[in-house]
Amino acid sequence: MARNLEFNEEEAIKKAMEVFWKKGYSGTSIRDVAEAMNIKISSIYNTMGDKHQLFIKCIRSYTQTRAIEAQNSAGRVRSPLKAIISFIEGAVHTILYSANSCLAIKTTFEVAATDPELQAILREDHEFTYGLLTSLIQKAIELKELPADADANTLADFILNNFTGWHESYIIHQDPIKIKKMAKYLIGQISK
């Protein structure tokens, strides 16, 4: 007979994610996670596996939630260009006002280079975001909101790579005005 779990797995993953988000993968111990979840370390191992397996679950949960939110946000706006601008503004908001910024970018810089499983999850996340953005750009071109000669793939790459640079800039300089100016410039460049 299967035993009942002592905790809600979805809630436990959210609590673990907060710890990883704040301390990073390397700075987080399994004890830190157990304390945040208010459970025994053995319960983590018995239900979710080791620290790496739990981190994988956290990253999957984060990227899946983010994908749903991005798709829903894009679907609420009739103008593809306005959806792209909203997407850019959302990135700025995350960089400046989220306590821990973007977990996917933090994970990419910290551990993804040496962890093929994390690379695969983050690649899938990037491909989803790239596909969504490319689709919005293509629709904006079709509706003449963007120039007919715009290259949707290059523009999507350009926008996404700006986000990574903004994250780095904000970590180093802590200058919200600089980030807002760069976002305004990017929006101005694509809206011409």
N, C-alpha and C. Protein backbone atom coordinates (compact mmCIF):
# COMPACT_ATOMS: atom_id res chain seq x y z
N MET A 1 0.84 -1.19 0.00
CA MET A 1 0.00 0.00 0.00
C MET A 1 0.89 1.25 0.00
N ALA A 2 0.61 2.15 -0.89
CA ALA A 2 1.42 3.37 -0.99
C ALA A 2 1.17 4.27 0.21
N ARG A 3 2.26 4.86 0.73
CA ARG A 3 2.08 5.74 1.87
C ARG A 3 1.73 7.14 1.38
N ASN A 4 1.01 7.90 2.19
CA ASN A 4 0.64 9.27 1.84
C ASN A 4 1.86 10.18 1.97
N LEU A 5 2.01 11.07 1.04
CA LEU A 5 3.09 12.05 1.14
C LEU A 5 2.78 13.00 2.29
N GLU A 6 3.83 13.42 2.99
CA GLU A 6 3.66 14.31 4.12
C GLU A 6 3.55 15.78 3.68
N PHE A 7 3.64 16.03 2.40
CA PHE A 7 3.61 17.40 1.91
C PHE A 7 3.08 17.42 0.49
N ASN A 8 2.64 18.58 0.08
CA ASN A 8 2.17 18.81 -1.28
C ASN A 8 3.40 19.03 -2.16
N GLU A 9 3.64 18.17 -3.15
CA GLU A 9 4.85 18.24 -3.96
C GLU A 9 4.97 19.56 -4.71
N GLU A 10 3.88 20.05 -5.25
CA GLU A 10 3.92 21.31 -5.99
C GLU A 10 4.35 22.47 -5.08
N GLU A 11 3.79 22.52 -3.87
CA GLU A 11 4.17 23.54 -2.91
C GLU A 11 5.62 23.38 -2.48
N ALA A 12 6.03 22.13 -2.28
CA ALA A 12 7.41 21.86 -1.88
C ALA A 12 8.38 22.32 -2.96
N ILE A 13 8.05 22.09 -4.21
CA ILE A 13 8.91 22.53 -5.32
C ILE A 13 9.00 24.05 -5.35
N LYS A 14 7.88 24.73 -5.11
CA LYS A 14 7.90 26.19 -5.09
C LYS A 14 8.82 26.71 -3.98
N LYS A 15 8.75 26.08 -2.81
CA LYS A 15 9.59 26.50 -1.69
C LYS A 15 11.06 26.22 -1.99
N ALA A 16 11.34 25.06 -2.56
CA ALA A 16 12.72 24.72 -2.93
C ALA A 16 13.23 25.69 -3.99
N MET A 17 12.38 26.03 -4.94
CA MET A 17 12.76 26.94 -6.02
C MET A 17 13.18 28.29 -5.44
N GLU A 18 12.46 28.77 -4.45
CA GLU A 18 12.80 30.05 -3.83
C GLU A 18 14.20 30.02 -3.22
N VAL A 19 14.55 28.89 -2.60
CA VAL A 19 15.88 28.76 -2.01
C VAL A 19 16.95 28.73 -3.10
N PHE A 20 16.74 27.92 -4.13
CA PHE A 20 17.70 27.86 -5.24
C PHE A 20 17.83 29.22 -5.91
N TRP A 21 16.71 29.90 -6.06
CA TRP A 21 16.68 31.21 -6.70
C TRP A 21 17.56 32.20 -5.92
N LYS A 22 17.40 32.17 -4.60
CA LYS A 22 18.11 33.12 -3.74
C LYS A 22 19.59 32.77 -3.60
N LYS A 23 19.90 31.49 -3.37
CA LYS A 23 21.27 31.08 -3.06
C LYS A 23 22.02 30.49 -4.24
N GLY A 24 21.33 30.18 -5.32
CA GLY A 24 21.95 29.49 -6.44
C GLY A 24 22.04 28.01 -6.15
N TYR A 25 22.33 27.25 -7.20
CA TYR A 25 22.41 25.80 -7.03
C TYR A 25 23.57 25.42 -6.11
N SER A 26 24.73 25.96 -6.37
CA SER A 26 25.92 25.59 -5.61
C SER A 26 25.83 26.05 -4.15
N GLY A 27 25.21 27.18 -3.91
CA GLY A 27 25.11 27.72 -2.55
C GLY A 27 24.01 27.12 -1.71
N THR A 28 23.19 26.28 -2.30
CA THR A 28 22.06 25.68 -1.59
C THR A 28 22.42 24.27 -1.15
N SER A 29 22.17 24.00 0.11
CA SER A 29 22.36 22.64 0.62
C SER A 29 21.01 21.95 0.70
N ILE A 30 21.04 20.65 0.77
CA ILE A 30 19.78 19.90 0.92
C ILE A 30 19.12 20.26 2.24
N ARG A 31 19.93 20.60 3.25
CA ARG A 31 19.40 21.05 4.54
C ARG A 31 18.62 22.37 4.38
N ASP A 32 19.17 23.30 3.58
CA ASP A 32 18.48 24.58 3.31
C ASP A 32 17.10 24.32 2.72
N VAL A 33 17.05 23.40 1.78
CA VAL A 33 15.80 23.08 1.10
C VAL A 33 14.83 22.42 2.07
N ALA A 34 15.32 21.49 2.87
CA ALA A 34 14.46 20.80 3.84
C ALA A 34 13.87 21.79 4.84
N GLU A 35 14.68 22.74 5.29
CA GLU A 35 14.19 23.76 6.23
C GLU A 35 13.11 24.62 5.58
N ALA A 36 13.34 25.02 4.34
CA ALA A 36 12.35 25.85 3.64
C ALA A 36 11.03 25.11 3.44
N MET A 37 11.14 23.79 3.18
CA MET A 37 9.95 22.97 2.95
C MET A 37 9.31 22.53 4.26
N ASN A 38 10.07 22.70 5.34
CA ASN A 38 9.62 22.25 6.66
C ASN A 38 9.37 20.74 6.69
N ILE A 39 10.32 20.01 6.10
CA ILE A 39 10.24 18.54 6.10
C ILE A 39 11.63 17.97 6.41
N LYS A 40 11.67 16.69 6.62
CA LYS A 40 12.94 16.02 6.89
C LYS A 40 13.70 15.80 5.58
N ILE A 41 15.01 15.80 5.69
CA ILE A 41 15.86 15.56 4.53
C ILE A 41 15.52 14.21 3.89
N SER A 42 15.25 13.21 4.73
CA SER A 42 14.94 11.88 4.20
C SER A 42 13.67 11.91 3.34
N SER A 43 12.73 12.77 3.69
CA SER A 43 11.50 12.88 2.89
C SER A 43 11.79 13.41 1.49
N ILE A 44 12.76 14.32 1.39
CA ILE A 44 13.15 14.84 0.07
C ILE A 44 13.73 13.70 -0.76
N TYR A 45 14.69 12.99 -0.18
CA TYR A 45 15.32 11.89 -0.90
C TYR A 45 14.30 10.81 -1.29
N ASN A 46 13.37 10.52 -0.40
CA ASN A 46 12.40 9.46 -0.66
C ASN A 46 11.36 9.83 -1.71
N THR A 47 11.07 11.12 -1.86
CA THR A 47 10.01 11.52 -2.79
C THR A 47 10.49 12.25 -4.03
N MET A 48 11.60 12.99 -3.91
CA MET A 48 12.05 13.82 -5.03
C MET A 48 13.44 13.49 -5.50
N GLY A 49 14.15 12.68 -4.79
CA GLY A 49 15.51 12.34 -5.17
C GLY A 49 16.52 13.24 -4.49
N ASP A 50 17.70 13.31 -5.07
CA ASP A 50 18.77 14.12 -4.48
C ASP A 50 18.60 15.59 -4.86
N LYS A 51 19.56 16.41 -4.45
CA LYS A 51 19.51 17.85 -4.70
C LYS A 51 19.40 18.15 -6.20
N HIS A 52 20.17 17.45 -7.02
CA HIS A 52 20.15 17.69 -8.46
C HIS A 52 18.79 17.36 -9.05
N GLN A 53 18.22 16.23 -8.66
CA GLN A 53 16.90 15.86 -9.19
C GLN A 53 15.83 16.87 -8.76
N LEU A 54 15.93 17.36 -7.54
CA LEU A 54 15.00 18.38 -7.07
C LEU A 54 15.19 19.68 -7.85
N PHE A 55 16.43 20.04 -8.10
CA PHE A 55 16.70 21.25 -8.87
C PHE A 55 16.14 21.14 -10.28
N ILE A 56 16.28 19.98 -10.89
CA ILE A 56 15.71 19.74 -12.22
C ILE A 56 14.20 19.96 -12.18
N LYS A 57 13.54 19.43 -11.15
CA LYS A 57 12.09 19.63 -11.03
C LYS A 57 11.75 21.11 -10.87
N CYS A 58 12.56 21.83 -10.12
CA CYS A 58 12.33 23.26 -9.94
C CYS A 58 12.47 24.02 -11.25
N ILE A 59 13.52 23.71 -12.01
CA ILE A 59 13.75 24.40 -13.28
C ILE A 59 12.63 24.06 -14.27
N ARG A 60 12.22 22.81 -14.31
CA ARG A 60 11.10 22.42 -15.20
C ARG A 60 9.83 23.19 -14.82
N SER A 61 9.53 23.24 -13.53
CA SER A 61 8.35 23.95 -13.06
C SER A 61 8.43 25.43 -13.44
N TYR A 62 9.59 26.03 -13.23
CA TYR A 62 9.79 27.44 -13.54
C TYR A 62 9.59 27.72 -15.03
N THR A 63 10.24 26.93 -15.87
CA THR A 63 10.17 27.19 -17.31
C THR A 63 8.77 26.89 -17.85
N GLN A 64 8.11 25.87 -17.34
CA GLN A 64 6.75 25.56 -17.81
C GLN A 64 5.77 26.65 -17.40
N THR A 65 5.89 27.13 -16.17
CA THR A 65 5.02 28.21 -15.71
C THR A 65 5.25 29.47 -16.53
N ARG A 66 6.51 29.77 -16.77
CA ARG A 66 6.85 30.96 -17.54
C ARG A 66 6.33 30.87 -18.96
N ALA A 67 6.39 29.70 -19.56
CA ALA A 67 5.91 29.51 -20.93
C ALA A 67 4.40 29.74 -21.00
N ILE A 68 3.68 29.21 -20.04
CA ILE A 68 2.22 29.40 -20.01
C ILE A 68 1.89 30.88 -19.86
N GLU A 69 2.59 31.55 -18.94
CA GLU A 69 2.34 32.98 -18.73
C GLU A 69 2.65 33.80 -19.99
N ALA A 70 3.74 33.48 -20.65
CA ALA A 70 4.12 34.21 -21.87
C ALA A 70 3.08 34.01 -22.97
N GLN A 71 2.63 32.78 -23.13
CA GLN A 71 1.64 32.48 -24.16
C GLN A 71 0.31 33.17 -23.85
N ASN A 72 -0.09 33.13 -22.60
CA ASN A 72 -1.33 33.80 -22.20
C ASN A 72 -1.24 35.31 -22.39
N SER A 73 -0.10 35.87 -22.02
CA SER A 73 0.10 37.31 -22.17
C SER A 73 0.05 37.72 -23.64
N ALA A 74 0.72 36.97 -24.49
CA ALA A 74 0.72 37.27 -25.93
C ALA A 74 -0.68 37.12 -26.52
N GLY A 75 -1.45 36.19 -26.00
CA GLY A 75 -2.80 35.95 -26.52
C GLY A 75 -3.81 37.03 -26.13
N ARG A 76 -3.49 37.81 -25.11
CA ARG A 76 -4.42 38.85 -24.65
C ARG A 76 -4.32 40.14 -25.47
N VAL A 77 -3.28 40.26 -26.28
CA VAL A 77 -3.04 41.50 -27.02
C VAL A 77 -3.34 41.25 -28.50
N ARG A 78 -4.12 42.12 -29.09
CA ARG A 78 -4.49 41.94 -30.50
C ARG A 78 -3.38 42.31 -31.46
N SER A 79 -2.61 43.31 -31.09
CA SER A 79 -1.52 43.76 -31.96
C SER A 79 -0.27 42.96 -31.64
N PRO A 80 0.30 42.26 -32.62
CA PRO A 80 1.53 41.51 -32.37
C PRO A 80 2.68 42.42 -31.91
N LEU A 81 2.78 43.62 -32.49
CA LEU A 81 3.83 44.54 -32.08
C LEU A 81 3.66 44.94 -30.62
N LYS A 82 2.42 45.21 -30.22
CA LYS A 82 2.17 45.54 -28.81
C LYS A 82 2.50 44.36 -27.90
N ALA A 83 2.26 43.15 -28.38
CA ALA A 83 2.61 41.96 -27.60
C ALA A 83 4.13 41.85 -27.45
N ILE A 84 4.87 42.17 -28.50
CA ILE A 84 6.34 42.16 -28.45
C ILE A 84 6.83 43.21 -27.46
N ILE A 85 6.26 44.39 -27.54
CA ILE A 85 6.64 45.47 -26.62
C ILE A 85 6.31 45.08 -25.19
N SER A 86 5.16 44.48 -24.98
CA SER A 86 4.78 44.00 -23.66
C SER A 86 5.76 42.95 -23.14
N PHE A 87 6.21 42.09 -24.04
CA PHE A 87 7.18 41.05 -23.71
C PHE A 87 8.49 41.69 -23.25
N ILE A 88 8.94 42.72 -23.95
CA ILE A 88 10.16 43.44 -23.59
C ILE A 88 9.98 44.13 -22.25
N GLU A 89 8.86 44.80 -22.07
CA GLU A 89 8.59 45.48 -20.81
C GLU A 89 8.49 44.49 -19.65
N GLY A 90 7.96 43.30 -19.93
CA GLY A 90 7.91 42.26 -18.90
C GLY A 90 9.29 41.81 -18.48
N ALA A 91 10.21 41.72 -19.44
CA ALA A 91 11.59 41.35 -19.11
C ALA A 91 12.23 42.42 -18.23
N VAL A 92 11.99 43.68 -18.56
CA VAL A 92 12.53 44.78 -17.76
C VAL A 92 11.97 44.70 -16.34
N HIS A 93 10.68 44.47 -16.24
CA HIS A 93 10.05 44.37 -14.91
C HIS A 93 10.67 43.24 -14.10
N THR A 94 10.89 42.10 -14.72
CA THR A 94 11.50 40.97 -14.03
C THR A 94 12.91 41.32 -13.56
N ILE A 95 13.69 41.94 -14.42
CA ILE A 95 15.07 42.30 -14.07
C ILE A 95 15.10 43.28 -12.91
N LEU A 96 14.24 44.29 -12.96
CA LEU A 96 14.30 45.36 -11.97
C LEU A 96 13.53 45.09 -10.68
N TYR A 97 12.44 44.36 -10.78
CA TYR A 97 11.56 44.30 -9.61
C TYR A 97 11.33 42.92 -9.02
N SER A 98 11.77 41.88 -9.69
CA SER A 98 11.65 40.55 -9.10
C SER A 98 12.83 40.36 -8.15
N ALA A 99 12.53 39.88 -6.98
CA ALA A 99 13.56 39.75 -5.95
C ALA A 99 14.76 38.95 -6.43
N ASN A 100 14.54 37.95 -7.26
CA ASN A 100 15.63 37.07 -7.66
C ASN A 100 15.88 37.04 -9.16
N SER A 101 15.27 37.94 -9.92
CA SER A 101 15.46 38.01 -11.36
C SER A 101 15.02 36.73 -12.07
N CYS A 102 15.69 36.36 -13.13
CA CYS A 102 15.28 35.21 -13.95
C CYS A 102 16.05 33.95 -13.55
N LEU A 103 15.36 32.96 -13.07
CA LEU A 103 16.01 31.72 -12.64
C LEU A 103 16.67 31.00 -13.81
N ALA A 104 16.10 31.06 -14.99
CA ALA A 104 16.69 30.38 -16.15
C ALA A 104 18.04 31.00 -16.51
N ILE A 105 18.13 32.31 -16.52
CA ILE A 105 19.39 32.96 -16.86
C ILE A 105 20.42 32.71 -15.76
N LYS A 106 19.98 32.80 -14.50
CA LYS A 106 20.91 32.52 -13.39
C LYS A 106 21.46 31.09 -13.51
N THR A 107 20.59 30.16 -13.82
CA THR A 107 21.00 28.76 -13.94
C THR A 107 21.93 28.58 -15.13
N THR A 108 21.65 29.26 -16.22
CA THR A 108 22.51 29.17 -17.40
C THR A 108 23.93 29.60 -17.05
N PHE A 109 24.06 30.73 -16.35
CA PHE A 109 25.38 31.22 -16.00
C PHE A 109 26.07 30.36 -14.95
N GLU A 110 25.30 29.82 -14.02
CA GLU A 110 25.92 29.09 -12.91
C GLU A 110 26.30 27.65 -13.24
N VAL A 111 25.37 26.87 -13.79
CA VAL A 111 25.64 25.43 -13.91
C VAL A 111 25.32 24.78 -15.26
N ALA A 112 24.61 25.46 -16.11
CA ALA A 112 24.16 24.79 -17.34
C ALA A 112 25.31 24.38 -18.27
N ALA A 113 26.40 25.11 -18.24
CA ALA A 113 27.51 24.79 -19.14
C ALA A 113 28.08 23.40 -18.91
N THR A 114 27.93 22.89 -17.69
CA THR A 114 28.49 21.58 -17.37
C THR A 114 27.44 20.53 -17.05
N ASP A 115 26.17 20.86 -17.28
CA ASP A 115 25.10 19.93 -16.93
C ASP A 115 24.18 19.73 -18.15
N PRO A 116 24.37 18.64 -18.88
CA PRO A 116 23.59 18.41 -20.11
C PRO A 116 22.07 18.35 -19.86
N GLU A 117 21.65 17.85 -18.73
CA GLU A 117 20.21 17.76 -18.45
C GLU A 117 19.61 19.16 -18.28
N LEU A 118 20.31 20.02 -17.58
CA LEU A 118 19.85 21.40 -17.45
C LEU A 118 19.93 22.13 -18.78
N GLN A 119 20.99 21.88 -19.55
CA GLN A 119 21.10 22.49 -20.88
C GLN A 119 19.88 22.15 -21.73
N ALA A 120 19.46 20.90 -21.67
CA ALA A 120 18.31 20.47 -22.48
C ALA A 120 17.03 21.20 -22.07
N ILE A 121 16.82 21.34 -20.76
CA ILE A 121 15.62 22.03 -20.28
C ILE A 121 15.67 23.50 -20.69
N LEU A 122 16.80 24.13 -20.49
CA LEU A 122 16.93 25.55 -20.82
C LEU A 122 16.89 25.78 -22.33
N ARG A 123 17.40 24.85 -23.11
CA ARG A 123 17.31 24.95 -24.58
C ARG A 123 15.85 24.87 -25.01
N GLU A 124 15.11 23.95 -24.41
CA GLU A 124 13.68 23.81 -24.72
C GLU A 124 12.94 25.10 -24.36
N ASP A 125 13.27 25.66 -23.21
CA ASP A 125 12.65 26.92 -22.77
C ASP A 125 12.98 28.04 -23.76
N HIS A 126 14.24 28.12 -24.16
CA HIS A 126 14.66 29.15 -25.10
C HIS A 126 13.97 28.97 -26.45
N GLU A 127 13.90 27.75 -26.91
CA GLU A 127 13.26 27.48 -28.21
C GLU A 127 11.78 27.84 -28.18
N PHE A 128 11.12 27.57 -27.05
CA PHE A 128 9.72 27.97 -26.93
C PHE A 128 9.60 29.49 -27.03
N THR A 129 10.40 30.19 -26.23
CA THR A 129 10.34 31.65 -26.20
C THR A 129 10.70 32.23 -27.57
N TYR A 130 11.74 31.69 -28.17
CA TYR A 130 12.17 32.12 -29.50
C TYR A 130 11.05 31.89 -30.51
N GLY A 131 10.40 30.74 -30.45
CA GLY A 131 9.30 30.44 -31.37
C GLY A 131 8.13 31.38 -31.19
N LEU A 132 7.78 31.64 -29.94
CA LEU A 132 6.67 32.56 -29.65
C LEU A 132 7.00 33.96 -30.17
N LEU A 133 8.19 34.42 -29.88
CA LEU A 133 8.59 35.76 -30.32
C LEU A 133 8.69 35.85 -31.85
N THR A 134 9.26 34.83 -32.47
CA THR A 134 9.36 34.81 -33.93
C THR A 134 7.98 34.85 -34.57
N SER A 135 7.06 34.10 -34.00
CA SER A 135 5.69 34.09 -34.51
C SER A 135 5.04 35.47 -34.39
N LEU A 136 5.24 36.13 -33.25
CA LEU A 136 4.69 37.48 -33.08
C LEU A 136 5.31 38.46 -34.07
N ILE A 137 6.60 38.34 -34.28
CA ILE A 137 7.28 39.23 -35.23
C ILE A 137 6.76 38.99 -36.64
N GLN A 138 6.61 37.74 -37.02
CA GLN A 138 6.10 37.41 -38.35
C GLN A 138 4.69 37.96 -38.55
N LYS A 139 3.85 37.84 -37.52
CA LYS A 139 2.48 38.40 -37.61
C LYS A 139 2.53 39.91 -37.72
N ALA A 140 3.45 40.54 -36.98
CA ALA A 140 3.58 42.00 -37.04
C ALA A 140 4.04 42.44 -38.44
N ILE A 141 4.88 41.65 -39.06
CA ILE A 141 5.31 41.94 -40.44
C ILE A 141 4.12 41.82 -41.39
N GLU A 142 3.37 40.75 -41.25
CA GLU A 142 2.20 40.53 -42.11
C GLU A 142 1.17 41.64 -41.96
N LEU A 143 1.03 42.18 -40.75
CA LEU A 143 0.06 43.25 -40.50
C LEU A 143 0.66 44.64 -40.74
N LYS A 144 1.88 44.66 -41.25
CA LYS A 144 2.59 45.90 -41.57
C LYS A 144 2.88 46.76 -40.34
N GLU A 145 2.96 46.11 -39.18
CA GLU A 145 3.38 46.80 -37.96
C GLU A 145 4.91 46.87 -37.89
N LEU A 146 5.56 45.99 -38.61
CA LEU A 146 7.02 45.97 -38.75
C LEU A 146 7.33 45.97 -40.24
N PRO A 147 8.51 46.44 -40.64
CA PRO A 147 8.87 46.49 -42.06
C PRO A 147 8.84 45.11 -42.71
N ALA A 148 8.46 45.08 -43.98
CA ALA A 148 8.35 43.83 -44.73
C ALA A 148 9.69 43.13 -44.86
N ASP A 149 10.78 43.89 -44.82
CA ASP A 149 12.10 43.27 -44.96
C ASP A 149 12.72 42.83 -43.63
N ALA A 150 11.98 42.97 -42.55
CA ALA A 150 12.50 42.54 -41.24
C ALA A 150 12.67 41.02 -41.23
N ASP A 151 13.74 40.57 -40.65
CA ASP A 151 14.02 39.14 -40.54
C ASP A 151 13.57 38.68 -39.15
N ALA A 152 12.48 37.94 -39.09
CA ALA A 152 11.88 37.54 -37.81
C ALA A 152 12.85 36.76 -36.93
N ASN A 153 13.62 35.88 -37.53
CA ASN A 153 14.56 35.07 -36.75
C ASN A 153 15.66 35.92 -36.12
N THR A 154 16.25 36.80 -36.91
CA THR A 154 17.32 37.66 -36.41
C THR A 154 16.80 38.62 -35.35
N LEU A 155 15.63 39.17 -35.59
CA LEU A 155 15.04 40.11 -34.63
C LEU A 155 14.71 39.41 -33.31
N ALA A 156 14.20 38.18 -33.37
CA ALA A 156 13.92 37.43 -32.14
C ALA A 156 15.21 37.15 -31.38
N ASP A 157 16.27 36.75 -32.10
CA ASP A 157 17.57 36.53 -31.46
C ASP A 157 18.08 37.82 -30.81
N PHE A 158 17.95 38.91 -31.54
CA PHE A 158 18.42 40.20 -31.04
C PHE A 158 17.71 40.59 -29.75
N ILE A 159 16.40 40.45 -29.72
CA ILE A 159 15.62 40.80 -28.54
C ILE A 159 16.01 39.91 -27.35
N LEU A 160 16.05 38.61 -27.57
CA LEU A 160 16.36 37.68 -26.48
C LEU A 160 17.78 37.88 -25.95
N ASN A 161 18.71 38.15 -26.82
CA ASN A 161 20.08 38.36 -26.37
C ASN A 161 20.24 39.67 -25.60
N ASN A 162 19.40 40.64 -25.90
CA ASN A 162 19.39 41.86 -25.10
C ASN A 162 19.01 41.56 -23.66
N PHE A 163 18.03 40.69 -23.46
CA PHE A 163 17.59 40.36 -22.10
C PHE A 163 18.74 39.84 -21.26
N THR A 164 19.52 38.94 -21.84
CA THR A 164 20.65 38.37 -21.11
C THR A 164 21.65 39.46 -20.74
N GLY A 165 21.93 40.34 -21.68
CA GLY A 165 22.84 41.46 -21.40
C GLY A 165 22.30 42.38 -20.33
N TRP A 166 21.00 42.64 -20.36
CA TRP A 166 20.40 43.50 -19.34
C TRP A 166 20.52 42.88 -17.96
N HIS A 167 20.30 41.56 -17.88
CA HIS A 167 20.44 40.87 -16.59
C HIS A 167 21.86 41.07 -16.05
N GLU A 168 22.84 40.85 -16.90
CA GLU A 168 24.22 41.00 -16.49
C GLU A 168 24.49 42.44 -16.05
N SER A 169 24.05 43.40 -16.85
CA SER A 169 24.26 44.80 -16.54
C SER A 169 23.65 45.17 -15.20
N TYR A 170 22.46 44.70 -14.94
CA TYR A 170 21.79 45.06 -13.69
C TYR A 170 22.48 44.42 -12.49
N ILE A 171 22.95 43.19 -12.64
CA ILE A 171 23.68 42.54 -11.55
C ILE A 171 24.93 43.36 -11.21
N ILE A 172 25.63 43.81 -12.23
CA ILE A 172 26.88 44.53 -12.02
C ILE A 172 26.67 45.97 -11.57
N HIS A 173 25.75 46.69 -12.23
CA HIS A 173 25.61 48.13 -12.00
C HIS A 173 24.44 48.53 -11.11
N GLN A 174 23.43 47.68 -10.98
CA GLN A 174 22.24 48.01 -10.19
C GLN A 174 21.66 49.37 -10.59
N ASP A 175 21.58 49.60 -11.89
CA ASP A 175 21.13 50.90 -12.41
C ASP A 175 19.84 50.71 -13.21
N PRO A 176 18.68 50.92 -12.56
CA PRO A 176 17.41 50.72 -13.26
C PRO A 176 17.20 51.69 -14.43
N ILE A 177 17.73 52.89 -14.31
CA ILE A 177 17.56 53.87 -15.39
C ILE A 177 18.26 53.37 -16.65
N LYS A 178 19.44 52.79 -16.49
CA LYS A 178 20.19 52.26 -17.63
C LYS A 178 19.40 51.16 -18.33
N ILE A 179 18.79 50.27 -17.57
CA ILE A 179 18.00 49.17 -18.15
C ILE A 179 16.79 49.73 -18.88
N LYS A 180 16.10 50.68 -18.26
CA LYS A 180 14.91 51.28 -18.89
C LYS A 180 15.28 52.01 -20.18
N LYS A 181 16.42 52.69 -20.19
CA LYS A 181 16.85 53.39 -21.40
C LYS A 181 17.16 52.40 -22.52
N MET A 182 17.84 51.30 -22.16
CA MET A 182 18.16 50.29 -23.18
C MET A 182 16.88 49.68 -23.74
N ALA A 183 15.90 49.43 -22.87
CA ALA A 183 14.62 48.86 -23.33
C ALA A 183 13.89 49.85 -24.23
N LYS A 184 13.90 51.12 -23.84
CA LYS A 184 13.25 52.15 -24.67
C LYS A 184 13.92 52.23 -26.03
N TYR A 185 15.24 52.14 -26.05
CA TYR A 185 15.97 52.18 -27.31
C TYR A 185 15.62 50.96 -28.17
N LEU A 186 15.60 49.78 -27.56
CA LEU A 186 15.25 48.56 -28.31
C LEU A 186 13.84 48.68 -28.90
N ILE A 187 12.89 49.11 -28.09
CA ILE A 187 11.52 49.26 -28.56
C ILE A 187 11.47 50.28 -29.71
N GLY A 188 12.21 51.36 -29.56
CA GLY A 188 12.28 52.37 -30.62
C GLY A 188 12.86 51.80 -31.92
N GLN A 189 13.87 50.98 -31.80
CA GLN A 189 14.51 50.40 -32.98
C GLN A 189 13.58 49.44 -33.73
N ILE A 190 12.85 48.64 -32.99
CA ILE A 190 11.97 47.67 -33.68
C ILE A 190 10.66 48.29 -34.12
N SER A 191 10.32 49.45 -33.55
CA SER A 191 9.02 50.07 -33.88
C SER A 191 9.11 51.06 -35.03
N LYS A 192 10.29 51.25 -35.60
CA LYS A 192 10.46 52.22 -36.69
C LYS A 192 9.66 51.85 -37.90
